[in-house]
Amino acid sequence: QVQLVESGGGLVQAGGSLRLSCAASGRTGSSVAMGWSRQASGKERELVAAINWSGSNRYYQESVKGRFTISRDNAKNTVYLHMNNLKPEDTAVYYCAAGGWGSAWLYWGQGTQVTVSS
């Protein structure tokens, strides 16, 4: 089992920045990919960004390319999502995920709210 705890969400004005963190604990010895998905009110959950174990492969949803950066610190078992130039349409609950890719992940965090005001 892997436990994921997100932090760093909040309220920010459009054009602002936030950094989300996700700390993994439990059976983190395995080499697992990690990612961030988001779910806006009334919409389906969508993958925003993902990163493989070594960091050599990263995926970004088209709408966040050039604004969001995913990174990880394996020594700290932590993955980050740096979000710049935030837009109101980025408002959602952001979930950390581990052990998968695309829409299929083994483990999920509890989510952290990101609200971008216009």
PDB file of N, CA and C in Angstrom:
ATOM      1  N   GLN A   1       0.835  -1.192   0.000  1.00  0.00           N
ATOM      2  CA  GLN A   1       0.000   0.000   0.000  1.00  0.00           C
ATOM      3  C   GLN A   1       0.869   1.241   0.000  1.00  0.00           C
ATOM      4  N   VAL A   2       0.408   2.256  -0.677  1.00  0.00           N
ATOM      5  CA  VAL A   2       1.078   3.553  -0.714  1.00  0.00           C
ATOM      6  C   VAL A   2       0.071   4.610  -0.272  1.00  0.00           C
ATOM      7  N   GLN A   3       0.468   5.435   0.663  1.00  0.00           N
ATOM      8  CA  GLN A   3      -0.387   6.540   1.105  1.00  0.00           C
ATOM      9  C   GLN A   3       0.150   7.835   0.497  1.00  0.00           C
ATOM     10  N   LEU A   4      -0.772   8.645   0.019  1.00  0.00           N
ATOM     11  CA  LEU A   4      -0.416   9.913  -0.620  1.00  0.00           C
ATOM     12  C   LEU A   4      -1.119  11.062   0.093  1.00  0.00           C
ATOM     13  N   VAL A   5      -0.360  12.089   0.437  1.00  0.00           N
ATOM     14  CA  VAL A   5      -0.925  13.254   1.118  1.00  0.00           C
ATOM     15  C   VAL A   5      -0.539  14.510   0.357  1.00  0.00           C
ATOM     16  N   GLU A   6      -1.553  15.204  -0.165  1.00  0.00           N
ATOM     17  CA  GLU A   6      -1.327  16.429  -0.916  1.00  0.00           C
ATOM     18  C   GLU A   6      -1.349  17.651   0.005  1.00  0.00           C
ATOM     19  N   SER A   7      -0.682  18.686  -0.432  1.00  0.00           N
ATOM     20  CA  SER A   7      -0.725  19.975   0.257  1.00  0.00           C
ATOM     21  C   SER A   7      -0.406  21.069  -0.759  1.00  0.00           C
ATOM     22  N   GLY A   8      -0.719  22.312  -0.373  1.00  0.00           N
ATOM     23  CA  GLY A   8      -0.350  23.441  -1.221  1.00  0.00           C
ATOM     24  C   GLY A   8      -1.483  24.080  -1.985  1.00  0.00           C
ATOM     25  N   GLY A   9      -2.677  23.541  -1.894  1.00  0.00           N
ATOM     26  CA  GLY A   9      -3.797  24.159  -2.588  1.00  0.00           C
ATOM     27  C   GLY A   9      -4.211  25.450  -1.905  1.00  0.00           C
ATOM     28  N   GLY A  10      -5.141  26.156  -2.541  1.00  0.00           N
ATOM     29  CA  GLY A  10      -5.624  27.396  -1.956  1.00  0.00           C
ATOM     30  C   GLY A  10      -6.301  28.274  -2.971  1.00  0.00           C
ATOM     31  N   LEU A  11      -6.496  29.526  -2.579  1.00  0.00           N
ATOM     32  CA  LEU A  11      -7.148  30.526  -3.423  1.00  0.00           C
ATOM     33  C   LEU A  11      -6.093  31.471  -3.972  1.00  0.00           C
ATOM     34  N   VAL A  12      -6.126  31.699  -5.272  1.00  0.00           N
ATOM     35  CA  VAL A  12      -5.154  32.578  -5.904  1.00  0.00           C
ATOM     36  C   VAL A  12      -5.840  33.356  -7.014  1.00  0.00           C
ATOM     37  N   GLN A  13      -5.348  34.539  -7.293  1.00  0.00           N
ATOM     38  CA  GLN A  13      -5.909  35.322  -8.394  1.00  0.00           C
ATOM     39  C   GLN A  13      -5.375  34.820  -9.729  1.00  0.00           C
ATOM     40  N   ALA A  14      -6.130  35.073 -10.764  1.00  0.00           N
ATOM     41  CA  ALA A  14      -5.685  34.707 -12.098  1.00  0.00           C
ATOM     42  C   ALA A  14      -4.321  35.323 -12.386  1.00  0.00           C
ATOM     43  N   GLY A  15      -3.460  34.531 -12.994  1.00  0.00           N
ATOM     44  CA  GLY A  15      -2.109  34.973 -13.261  1.00  0.00           C
ATOM     45  C   GLY A  15      -1.124  34.612 -12.164  1.00  0.00           C
ATOM     46  N   GLY A  16      -1.628  34.163 -11.049  1.00  0.00           N
ATOM     47  CA  GLY A  16      -0.786  33.801  -9.927  1.00  0.00           C
ATOM     48  C   GLY A  16      -0.214  32.403 -10.042  1.00  0.00           C
ATOM     49  N   SER A  17       0.487  32.002  -8.992  1.00  0.00           N
ATOM     50  CA  SER A  17       1.166  30.710  -8.977  1.00  0.00           C
ATOM     51  C   SER A  17       0.893  29.959  -7.690  1.00  0.00           C
ATOM     52  N   LEU A  18       0.958  28.653  -7.776  1.00  0.00           N
ATOM     53  CA  LEU A  18       0.867  27.776  -6.620  1.00  0.00           C
ATOM     54  C   LEU A  18       1.789  26.585  -6.854  1.00  0.00           C
ATOM     55  N   ARG A  19       2.241  25.982  -5.763  1.00  0.00           N
ATOM     56  CA  ARG A  19       2.984  24.740  -5.864  1.00  0.00           C
ATOM     57  C   ARG A  19       2.285  23.682  -5.014  1.00  0.00           C
ATOM     58  N   LEU A  20       1.885  22.610  -5.649  1.00  0.00           N
ATOM     59  CA  LEU A  20       1.300  21.483  -4.937  1.00  0.00           C
ATOM     60  C   LEU A  20       2.391  20.464  -4.621  1.00  0.00           C
ATOM     61  N   SER A  21       2.264  19.857  -3.450  1.00  0.00           N
ATOM     62  CA  SER A  21       3.194  18.804  -3.050  1.00  0.00           C
ATOM     63  C   SER A  21       2.408  17.542  -2.725  1.00  0.00           C
ATOM     64  N   CYS A  22       3.032  16.404  -2.961  1.00  0.00           N
ATOM     65  CA  CYS A  22       2.411  15.122  -2.633  1.00  0.00           C
ATOM     66  C   CYS A  22       3.482  14.235  -2.019  1.00  0.00           C
ATOM     67  N   ALA A  23       3.308  13.932  -0.745  1.00  0.00           N
ATOM     68  CA  ALA A  23       4.250  13.087  -0.038  1.00  0.00           C
ATOM     69  C   ALA A  23       3.736  11.654  -0.021  1.00  0.00           C
ATOM     70  N   ALA A  24       4.575  10.733  -0.443  1.00  0.00           N
ATOM     71  CA  ALA A  24       4.203   9.322  -0.487  1.00  0.00           C
ATOM     72  C   ALA A  24       4.838   8.580   0.686  1.00  0.00           C
ATOM     73  N   SER A  25       4.086   7.678   1.271  1.00  0.00           N
ATOM     74  CA  SER A  25       4.608   6.836   2.348  1.00  0.00           C
ATOM     75  C   SER A  25       4.078   5.419   2.162  1.00  0.00           C
ATOM     76  N   GLY A  26       4.663   4.505   2.906  1.00  0.00           N
ATOM     77  CA  GLY A  26       4.254   3.116   2.766  1.00  0.00           C
ATOM     78  C   GLY A  26       5.256   2.373   1.901  1.00  0.00           C
ATOM     79  N   ARG A  27       4.788   1.550   1.007  1.00  0.00           N
ATOM     80  CA  ARG A  27       5.650   0.729   0.170  1.00  0.00           C
ATOM     81  C   ARG A  27       6.154   1.543  -1.016  1.00  0.00           C
ATOM     82  N   THR A  28       7.028   2.513  -0.682  1.00  0.00           N
ATOM     83  CA  THR A  28       7.521   3.405  -1.728  1.00  0.00           C
ATOM     84  C   THR A  28       8.829   2.914  -2.319  1.00  0.00           C
ATOM     85  N   GLY A  29       9.271   1.699  -1.953  1.00  0.00           N
ATOM     86  CA  GLY A  29      10.511   1.210  -2.501  1.00  0.00           C
ATOM     87  C   GLY A  29      10.414   0.874  -3.972  1.00  0.00           C
ATOM     88  N   SER A  30       9.209   0.605  -4.448  1.00  0.00           N
ATOM     89  CA  SER A  30       9.038   0.274  -5.865  1.00  0.00           C
ATOM     90  C   SER A  30       9.189   1.528  -6.723  1.00  0.00           C
ATOM     91  N   SER A  31       9.625   1.311  -7.937  1.00  0.00           N
ATOM     92  CA  SER A  31       9.759   2.417  -8.869  1.00  0.00           C
ATOM     93  C   SER A  31       8.411   2.661  -9.513  1.00  0.00           C
ATOM     94  N   VAL A  32       7.755   3.706  -9.111  1.00  0.00           N
ATOM     95  CA  VAL A  32       6.423   3.978  -9.632  1.00  0.00           C
ATOM     96  C   VAL A  32       6.351   5.359 -10.252  1.00  0.00           C
ATOM     97  N   ALA A  33       5.560   5.451 -11.288  1.00  0.00           N
ATOM     98  CA  ALA A  33       5.247   6.749 -11.854  1.00  0.00           C
ATOM     99  C   ALA A  33       4.275   7.467 -10.927  1.00  0.00           C
ATOM    100  N   MET A  34       4.265   8.772 -10.983  1.00  0.00           N
ATOM    101  CA  MET A  34       3.329   9.571 -10.183  1.00  0.00           C
ATOM    102  C   MET A  34       2.731  10.641 -11.067  1.00  0.00           C
ATOM    103  N   GLY A  35       1.575  11.120 -10.658  1.00  0.00           N
ATOM    104  CA  GLY A  35       0.912  12.110 -11.483  1.00  0.00           C
ATOM    105  C   GLY A  35      -0.053  12.962 -10.702  1.00  0.00           C
ATOM    106  N   TRP A  36      -0.586  13.948 -11.392  1.00  0.00           N
ATOM    107  CA  TRP A  36      -1.603  14.836 -10.831  1.00  0.00           C
ATOM    108  C   TRP A  36      -2.806  14.841 -11.774  1.00  0.00           C
ATOM    109  N   SER A  37      -3.960  14.606 -11.201  1.00  0.00           N
ATOM    110  CA  SER A  37      -5.206  14.726 -11.938  1.00  0.00           C
ATOM    111  C   SER A  37      -6.043  15.797 -11.266  1.00  0.00           C
ATOM    112  N   ARG A  38      -7.071  16.277 -11.947  1.00  0.00           N
ATOM    113  CA  ARG A  38      -7.951  17.273 -11.350  1.00  0.00           C
ATOM    114  C   ARG A  38      -9.388  16.986 -11.755  1.00  0.00           C
ATOM    115  N   GLN A  39     -10.281  17.431 -10.899  1.00  0.00           N
ATOM    116  CA  GLN A  39     -11.705  17.270 -11.174  1.00  0.00           C
ATOM    117  C   GLN A  39     -12.418  18.554 -10.825  1.00  0.00           C
ATOM    118  N   ALA A  40     -12.939  19.213 -11.835  1.00  0.00           N
ATOM    119  CA  ALA A  40     -13.725  20.417 -11.628  1.00  0.00           C
ATOM    120  C   ALA A  40     -15.170  20.013 -11.335  1.00  0.00           C
ATOM    121  N   SER A  41     -15.892  20.913 -10.712  1.00  0.00           N
ATOM    122  CA  SER A  41     -17.271  20.634 -10.340  1.00  0.00           C
ATOM    123  C   SER A  41     -18.099  20.276 -11.570  1.00  0.00           C
ATOM    124  N   GLY A  42     -18.755  19.131 -11.529  1.00  0.00           N
ATOM    125  CA  GLY A  42     -19.607  18.699 -12.623  1.00  0.00           C
ATOM    126  C   GLY A  42     -18.888  18.096 -13.803  1.00  0.00           C
ATOM    127  N   LYS A  43     -17.580  17.909 -13.664  1.00  0.00           N
ATOM    128  CA  LYS A  43     -16.799  17.358 -14.790  1.00  0.00           C
ATOM    129  C   LYS A  43     -16.085  16.082 -14.360  1.00  0.00           C
ATOM    130  N   GLU A  44     -15.607  15.337 -15.343  1.00  0.00           N
ATOM    131  CA  GLU A  44     -14.870  14.127 -15.045  1.00  0.00           C
ATOM    132  C   GLU A  44     -13.432  14.444 -14.633  1.00  0.00           C
ATOM    133  N   ARG A  45     -12.849  13.521 -13.893  1.00  0.00           N
ATOM    134  CA  ARG A  45     -11.457  13.686 -13.513  1.00  0.00           C
ATOM    135  C   ARG A  45     -10.574  13.544 -14.744  1.00  0.00           C
ATOM    136  N   GLU A  46      -9.554  14.394 -14.839  1.00  0.00           N
ATOM    137  CA  GLU A  46      -8.656  14.379 -15.980  1.00  0.00           C
ATOM    138  C   GLU A  46      -7.211  14.443 -15.521  1.00  0.00           C
ATOM    139  N   LEU A  47      -6.358  13.727 -16.247  1.00  0.00           N
ATOM    140  CA  LEU A  47      -4.939  13.753 -15.936  1.00  0.00           C
ATOM    141  C   LEU A  47      -4.344  15.069 -16.396  1.00  0.00           C
ATOM    142  N   VAL A  48      -3.609  15.704 -15.511  1.00  0.00           N
ATOM    143  CA  VAL A  48      -2.987  16.990 -15.814  1.00  0.00           C
ATOM    144  C   VAL A  48      -1.522  16.811 -16.182  1.00  0.00           C
ATOM    145  N   ALA A  49      -0.808  16.022 -15.385  1.00  0.00           N
ATOM    146  CA  ALA A  49       0.618  15.815 -15.623  1.00  0.00           C
ATOM    147  C   ALA A  49       1.038  14.507 -14.971  1.00  0.00           C
ATOM    148  N   ALA A  50       2.078  13.900 -15.518  1.00  0.00           N
ATOM    149  CA  ALA A  50       2.597  12.660 -14.953  1.00  0.00           C
ATOM    150  C   ALA A  50       4.103  12.603 -15.192  1.00  0.00           C
ATOM    151  N   ILE A  51       4.785  11.844 -14.330  1.00  0.00           N
ATOM    152  CA  ILE A  51       6.230  11.738 -14.415  1.00  0.00           C
ATOM    153  C   ILE A  51       6.645  10.313 -14.057  1.00  0.00           C
ATOM    154  N   ASN A  52       7.572   9.760 -14.810  1.00  0.00           N
ATOM    155  CA  ASN A  52       8.009   8.410 -14.479  1.00  0.00           C
ATOM    156  C   ASN A  52       9.036   8.459 -13.342  1.00  0.00           C
ATOM    157  N   TRP A  53       9.509   7.272 -12.918  1.00  0.00           N
ATOM    158  CA  TRP A  53      10.361   7.192 -11.737  1.00  0.00           C
ATOM    159  C   TRP A  53      11.613   8.052 -11.863  1.00  0.00           C
ATOM    160  N   SER A  54      12.262   7.991 -13.007  1.00  0.00           N
ATOM    161  CA  SER A  54      13.537   8.696 -13.165  1.00  0.00           C
ATOM    162  C   SER A  54      13.357  10.158 -13.551  1.00  0.00           C
ATOM    163  N   GLY A  55      12.163  10.521 -13.952  1.00  0.00           N
ATOM    164  CA  GLY A  55      11.943  11.886 -14.414  1.00  0.00           C
ATOM    165  C   GLY A  55      12.252  12.088 -15.883  1.00  0.00           C
ATOM    166  N   SER A  56      12.604  11.014 -16.568  1.00  0.00           N
ATOM    167  CA  SER A  56      12.997  11.113 -17.971  1.00  0.00           C
ATOM    168  C   SER A  56      11.794  11.218 -18.900  1.00  0.00           C
ATOM    169  N   ASN A  57      10.615  10.878 -18.411  1.00  0.00           N
ATOM    170  CA  ASN A  57       9.407  10.920 -19.225  1.00  0.00           C
ATOM    171  C   ASN A  57       8.327  11.699 -18.469  1.00  0.00           C
ATOM    172  N   ARG A  58       7.830  12.751 -19.095  1.00  0.00           N
ATOM    173  CA  ARG A  58       6.795  13.577 -18.477  1.00  0.00           C
ATOM    174  C   ARG A  58       5.666  13.792 -19.473  1.00  0.00           C
ATOM    175  N   TYR A  59       4.476  13.782 -18.936  1.00  0.00           N
ATOM    176  CA  TYR A  59       3.287  14.036 -19.743  1.00  0.00           C
ATOM    177  C   TYR A  59       2.601  15.285 -19.215  1.00  0.00           C
ATOM    178  N   TYR A  60       2.087  16.122 -20.145  1.00  0.00           N
ATOM    179  CA  TYR A  60       1.281  17.287 -19.756  1.00  0.00           C
ATOM    180  C   TYR A  60       0.034  17.322 -20.624  1.00  0.00           C
ATOM    181  N   GLN A  61      -1.065  17.622 -19.989  1.00  0.00           N
ATOM    182  CA  GLN A  61      -2.290  17.900 -20.743  1.00  0.00           C
ATOM    183  C   GLN A  61      -2.049  19.160 -21.568  1.00  0.00           C
ATOM    184  N   GLU A  62      -2.615  19.190 -22.743  1.00  0.00           N
ATOM    185  CA  GLU A  62      -2.360  20.303 -23.653  1.00  0.00           C
ATOM    186  C   GLU A  62      -2.676  21.661 -23.029  1.00  0.00           C
ATOM    187  N   SER A  63      -3.739  21.731 -22.231  1.00  0.00           N
ATOM    188  CA  SER A  63      -4.176  23.011 -21.683  1.00  0.00           C
ATOM    189  C   SER A  63      -3.220  23.588 -20.637  1.00  0.00           C
ATOM    190  N   VAL A  64      -2.290  22.783 -20.125  1.00  0.00           N
ATOM    191  CA  VAL A  64      -1.376  23.280 -19.094  1.00  0.00           C
ATOM    192  C   VAL A  64       0.066  23.360 -19.567  1.00  0.00           C
ATOM    193  N   LYS A  65       0.323  22.943 -20.791  1.00  0.00           N
ATOM    194  CA  LYS A  65       1.688  22.979 -21.306  1.00  0.00           C
ATOM    195  C   LYS A  65       2.217  24.408 -21.287  1.00  0.00           C
ATOM    196  N   GLY A  66       3.439  24.567 -20.799  1.00  0.00           N
ATOM    197  CA  GLY A  66       4.056  25.872 -20.717  1.00  0.00           C
ATOM    198  C   GLY A  66       3.715  26.632 -19.450  1.00  0.00           C
ATOM    199  N   ARG A  67       2.731  26.141 -18.695  1.00  0.00           N
ATOM    200  CA  ARG A  67       2.340  26.807 -17.450  1.00  0.00           C
ATOM    201  C   ARG A  67       2.606  25.935 -16.216  1.00  0.00           C
ATOM    202  N   PHE A  68       2.429  24.637 -16.351  1.00  0.00           N
ATOM    203  CA  PHE A  68       2.621  23.717 -15.223  1.00  0.00           C
ATOM    204  C   PHE A  68       3.890  22.903 -15.445  1.00  0.00           C
ATOM    205  N   THR A  69       4.552  22.584 -14.337  1.00  0.00           N
ATOM    206  CA  THR A  69       5.733  21.726 -14.378  1.00  0.00           C
ATOM    207  C   THR A  69       5.626  20.682 -13.282  1.00  0.00           C
ATOM    208  N   ILE A  70       5.787  19.428 -13.657  1.00  0.00           N
ATOM    209  CA  ILE A  70       5.792  18.351 -12.667  1.00  0.00           C
ATOM    210  C   ILE A  70       7.237  17.952 -12.403  1.00  0.00           C
ATOM    211  N   SER A  71       7.539  17.706 -11.131  1.00  0.00           N
ATOM    212  CA  SER A  71       8.883  17.278 -10.762  1.00  0.00           C
ATOM    213  C   SER A  71       8.774  16.343  -9.570  1.00  0.00           C
ATOM    214  N   ARG A  72       9.855  15.666  -9.260  1.00  0.00           N
ATOM    215  CA  ARG A  72       9.836  14.759  -8.118  1.00  0.00           C
ATOM    216  C   ARG A  72      11.194  14.735  -7.449  1.00  0.00           C
ATOM    217  N   ASP A  73      11.167  14.455  -6.154  1.00  0.00           N
ATOM    218  CA  ASP A  73      12.370  14.282  -5.353  1.00  0.00           C
ATOM    219  C   ASP A  73      12.267  12.887  -4.745  1.00  0.00           C
ATOM    220  N   ASN A  74      12.921  11.924  -5.353  1.00  0.00           N
ATOM    221  CA  ASN A  74      12.790  10.539  -4.898  1.00  0.00           C
ATOM    222  C   ASN A  74      13.382  10.323  -3.507  1.00  0.00           C
ATOM    223  N   ALA A  75      14.352  11.125  -3.134  1.00  0.00           N
ATOM    224  CA  ALA A  75      14.932  11.008  -1.794  1.00  0.00           C
ATOM    225  C   ALA A  75      13.900  11.372  -0.729  1.00  0.00           C
ATOM    226  N   LYS A  76      12.972  12.248  -1.084  1.00  0.00           N
ATOM    227  CA  LYS A  76      11.922  12.678  -0.155  1.00  0.00           C
ATOM    228  C   LYS A  76      10.590  11.995  -0.447  1.00  0.00           C
ATOM    229  N   ASN A  77      10.552  11.117  -1.462  1.00  0.00           N
ATOM    230  CA  ASN A  77       9.291  10.466  -1.854  1.00  0.00           C
ATOM    231  C   ASN A  77       8.189  11.484  -2.095  1.00  0.00           C
ATOM    232  N   THR A  78       8.530  12.545  -2.788  1.00  0.00           N
ATOM    233  CA  THR A  78       7.596  13.652  -2.989  1.00  0.00           C
ATOM    234  C   THR A  78       7.560  14.059  -4.457  1.00  0.00           C
ATOM    235  N   VAL A  79       6.356  14.344  -4.922  1.00  0.00           N
ATOM    236  CA  VAL A  79       6.181  14.865  -6.271  1.00  0.00           C
ATOM    237  C   VAL A  79       5.537  16.245  -6.159  1.00  0.00           C
ATOM    238  N   TYR A  80       5.902  17.121  -7.067  1.00  0.00           N
ATOM    239  CA  TYR A  80       5.429  18.504  -7.035  1.00  0.00           C
ATOM    240  C   TYR A  80       4.724  18.866  -8.339  1.00  0.00           C
ATOM    241  N   LEU A  81       3.820  19.811  -8.235  1.00  0.00           N
ATOM    242  CA  LEU A  81       3.215  20.401  -9.422  1.00  0.00           C
ATOM    243  C   LEU A  81       3.327  21.912  -9.270  1.00  0.00           C
ATOM    244  N   HIS A  82       4.200  22.490 -10.077  1.00  0.00           N
ATOM    245  CA  HIS A  82       4.379  23.935 -10.069  1.00  0.00           C
ATOM    246  C   HIS A  82       3.424  24.518 -11.096  1.00  0.00           C
ATOM    247  N   MET A  83       2.541  25.393 -10.652  1.00  0.00           N
ATOM    248  CA  MET A  83       1.504  25.949 -11.522  1.00  0.00           C
ATOM    249  C   MET A  83       1.691  27.450 -11.627  1.00  0.00           C
ATOM    250  N   ASN A  84       1.943  27.932 -12.822  1.00  0.00           N
ATOM    251  CA  ASN A  84       2.129  29.356 -13.083  1.00  0.00           C
ATOM    252  C   ASN A  84       1.038  29.856 -14.006  1.00  0.00           C
ATOM    253  N   ASN A  85       0.861  31.174 -14.014  1.00  0.00           N
ATOM    254  CA  ASN A  85      -0.129  31.806 -14.884  1.00  0.00           C
ATOM    255  C   ASN A  85      -1.483  31.092 -14.784  1.00  0.00           C
ATOM    256  N   LEU A  86      -1.933  30.914 -13.573  1.00  0.00           N
ATOM    257  CA  LEU A  86      -3.177  30.182 -13.348  1.00  0.00           C
ATOM    258  C   LEU A  86      -4.374  30.921 -13.916  1.00  0.00           C
ATOM    259  N   LYS A  87      -5.325  30.128 -14.396  1.00  0.00           N
ATOM    260  CA  LYS A  87      -6.542  30.654 -15.006  1.00  0.00           C
ATOM    261  C   LYS A  87      -7.752  30.169 -14.229  1.00  0.00           C
ATOM    262  N   PRO A  88      -8.867  30.892 -14.305  1.00  0.00           N
ATOM    263  CA  PRO A  88     -10.071  30.433 -13.594  1.00  0.00           C
ATOM    264  C   PRO A  88     -10.468  29.001 -13.974  1.00  0.00           C
ATOM    265  N   GLU A  89     -10.212  28.606 -15.202  1.00  0.00           N
ATOM    266  CA  GLU A  89     -10.565  27.250 -15.627  1.00  0.00           C
ATOM    267  C   GLU A  89      -9.663  26.171 -15.020  1.00  0.00           C
ATOM    268  N   ASP A  90      -8.631  26.582 -14.302  1.00  0.00           N
ATOM    269  CA  ASP A  90      -7.804  25.618 -13.576  1.00  0.00           C
ATOM    270  C   ASP A  90      -8.412  25.266 -12.219  1.00  0.00           C
ATOM    271  N   THR A  91      -9.477  25.938 -11.844  1.00  0.00           N
ATOM    272  CA  THR A  91     -10.145  25.667 -10.575  1.00  0.00           C
ATOM    273  C   THR A  91     -10.654  24.237 -10.541  1.00  0.00           C
ATOM    274  N   ALA A  92     -10.253  23.497  -9.522  1.00  0.00           N
ATOM    275  CA  ALA A  92     -10.618  22.086  -9.410  1.00  0.00           C
ATOM    276  C   ALA A  92     -10.042  21.524  -8.117  1.00  0.00           C
ATOM    277  N   VAL A  93     -10.457  20.312  -7.802  1.00  0.00           N
ATOM    278  CA  VAL A  93      -9.771  19.534  -6.774  1.00  0.00           C
ATOM    279  C   VAL A  93      -8.661  18.759  -7.476  1.00  0.00           C
ATOM    280  N   TYR A  94      -7.456  18.921  -6.982  1.00  0.00           N
ATOM    281  CA  TYR A  94      -6.292  18.270  -7.580  1.00  0.00           C
ATOM    282  C   TYR A  94      -5.913  17.047  -6.746  1.00  0.00           C
ATOM    283  N   TYR A  95      -5.757  15.924  -7.437  1.00  0.00           N
ATOM    284  CA  TYR A  95      -5.448  14.660  -6.789  1.00  0.00           C
ATOM    285  C   TYR A  95      -4.078  14.156  -7.215  1.00  0.00           C
ATOM    286  N   CYS A  96      -3.319  13.710  -6.252  1.00  0.00           N
ATOM    287  CA  CYS A  96      -2.058  13.043  -6.526  1.00  0.00           C
ATOM    288  C   CYS A  96      -2.349  11.570  -6.783  1.00  0.00           C
ATOM    289  N   ALA A  97      -1.586  10.968  -7.689  1.00  0.00           N
ATOM    290  CA  ALA A  97      -1.777   9.559  -8.016  1.00  0.00           C
ATOM    291  C   ALA A  97      -0.420   8.884  -8.156  1.00  0.00           C
ATOM    292  N   ALA A  98      -0.404   7.582  -7.905  1.00  0.00           N
ATOM    293  CA  ALA A  98       0.843   6.828  -8.003  1.00  0.00           C
ATOM    294  C   ALA A  98       0.578   5.433  -8.558  1.00  0.00           C
ATOM    295  N   GLY A  99       1.598   4.879  -9.203  1.00  0.00           N
ATOM    296  CA  GLY A  99       1.504   3.510  -9.677  1.00  0.00           C
ATOM    297  C   GLY A  99       0.611   3.323 -10.875  1.00  0.00           C
ATOM    298  N   GLY A 100       0.839   4.097 -11.912  1.00  0.00           N
ATOM    299  CA  GLY A 100       0.011   3.942 -13.110  1.00  0.00           C
ATOM    300  C   GLY A 100       0.419   4.926 -14.173  1.00  0.00           C
ATOM    301  N   TRP A 101      -0.500   5.216 -15.084  1.00  0.00           N
ATOM    302  CA  TRP A 101      -0.293   6.204 -16.126  1.00  0.00           C
ATOM    303  C   TRP A 101      -1.654   6.449 -16.766  1.00  0.00           C
ATOM    304  N   GLY A 102      -1.797   7.536 -17.468  1.00  0.00           N
ATOM    305  CA  GLY A 102      -3.065   7.848 -18.124  1.00  0.00           C
ATOM    306  C   GLY A 102      -4.197   7.962 -17.123  1.00  0.00           C
ATOM    307  N   SER A 103      -5.238   7.175 -17.314  1.00  0.00           N
ATOM    308  CA  SER A 103      -6.389   7.243 -16.423  1.00  0.00           C
ATOM    309  C   SER A 103      -6.409   6.112 -15.405  1.00  0.00           C
ATOM    310  N   ALA A 104      -5.415   5.233 -15.434  1.00  0.00           N
ATOM    311  CA  ALA A 104      -5.397   4.070 -14.537  1.00  0.00           C
ATOM    312  C   ALA A 104      -4.263   4.192 -13.537  1.00  0.00           C
ATOM    313  N   TRP A 105      -4.627   4.395 -12.282  1.00  0.00           N
ATOM    314  CA  TRP A 105      -3.656   4.538 -11.204  1.00  0.00           C
ATOM    315  C   TRP A 105      -4.063   3.643 -10.047  1.00  0.00           C
ATOM    316  N   LEU A 106      -3.065   3.137  -9.338  1.00  0.00           N
ATOM    317  CA  LEU A 106      -3.346   2.260  -8.209  1.00  0.00           C
ATOM    318  C   LEU A 106      -3.716   3.020  -6.952  1.00  0.00           C
ATOM    319  N   TYR A 107      -3.065   4.142  -6.738  1.00  0.00           N
ATOM    320  CA  TYR A 107      -3.220   4.862  -5.487  1.00  0.00           C
ATOM    321  C   TYR A 107      -3.579   6.315  -5.746  1.00  0.00           C
ATOM    322  N   TRP A 108      -4.429   6.844  -4.859  1.00  0.00           N
ATOM    323  CA  TRP A 108      -4.877   8.233  -4.961  1.00  0.00           C
ATOM    324  C   TRP A 108      -4.778   8.930  -3.613  1.00  0.00           C
ATOM    325  N   GLY A 109      -4.481  10.218  -3.666  1.00  0.00           N
ATOM    326  CA  GLY A 109      -4.549  11.022  -2.464  1.00  0.00           C
ATOM    327  C   GLY A 109      -5.964  11.509  -2.227  1.00  0.00           C
ATOM    328  N   GLN A 110      -6.136  12.298  -1.165  1.00  0.00           N
ATOM    329  CA  GLN A 110      -7.477  12.747  -0.789  1.00  0.00           C
ATOM    330  C   GLN A 110      -7.901  13.989  -1.551  1.00  0.00           C
ATOM    331  N   GLY A 111      -6.966  14.647  -2.199  1.00  0.00           N
ATOM    332  CA  GLY A 111      -7.277  15.825  -2.997  1.00  0.00           C
ATOM    333  C   GLY A 111      -7.047  17.126  -2.254  1.00  0.00           C
ATOM    334  N   THR A 112      -6.719  18.160  -3.015  1.00  0.00           N
ATOM    335  CA  THR A 112      -6.552  19.504  -2.458  1.00  0.00           C
ATOM    336  C   THR A 112      -7.205  20.497  -3.410  1.00  0.00           C
ATOM    337  N   GLN A 113      -7.947  21.449  -2.839  1.00  0.00           N
ATOM    338  CA  GLN A 113      -8.714  22.390  -3.653  1.00  0.00           C
ATOM    339  C   GLN A 113      -7.825  23.514  -4.156  1.00  0.00           C
ATOM    340  N   VAL A 114      -7.945  23.795  -5.436  1.00  0.00           N
ATOM    341  CA  VAL A 114      -7.300  24.959  -6.035  1.00  0.00           C
ATOM    342  C   VAL A 114      -8.403  25.822  -6.635  1.00  0.00           C
ATOM    343  N   THR A 115      -8.466  27.070  -6.197  1.00  0.00           N
ATOM    344  CA  THR A 115      -9.474  28.000  -6.696  1.00  0.00           C
ATOM    345  C   THR A 115      -8.777  29.227  -7.265  1.00  0.00           C
ATOM    346  N   VAL A 116      -9.067  29.530  -8.514  1.00  0.00           N
ATOM    347  CA  VAL A 116      -8.461  30.675  -9.188  1.00  0.00           C
ATOM    348  C   VAL A 116      -9.560  31.696  -9.464  1.00  0.00           C
ATOM    349  N   SER A 117      -9.413  32.858  -8.873  1.00  0.00           N
ATOM    350  CA  SER A 117     -10.417  33.911  -9.058  1.00  0.00           C
ATOM    351  C   SER A 117     -10.033  34.816 -10.217  1.00  0.00           C
ATOM    352  N   SER A 118     -11.047  35.326 -10.884  1.00  0.00           N
ATOM    353  CA  SER A 118     -10.797  36.190 -12.052  1.00  0.00           C
ATOM    354  C   SER A 118     -10.714  37.644 -11.657  1.00  0.00           C
TER     355      SER A 118
END
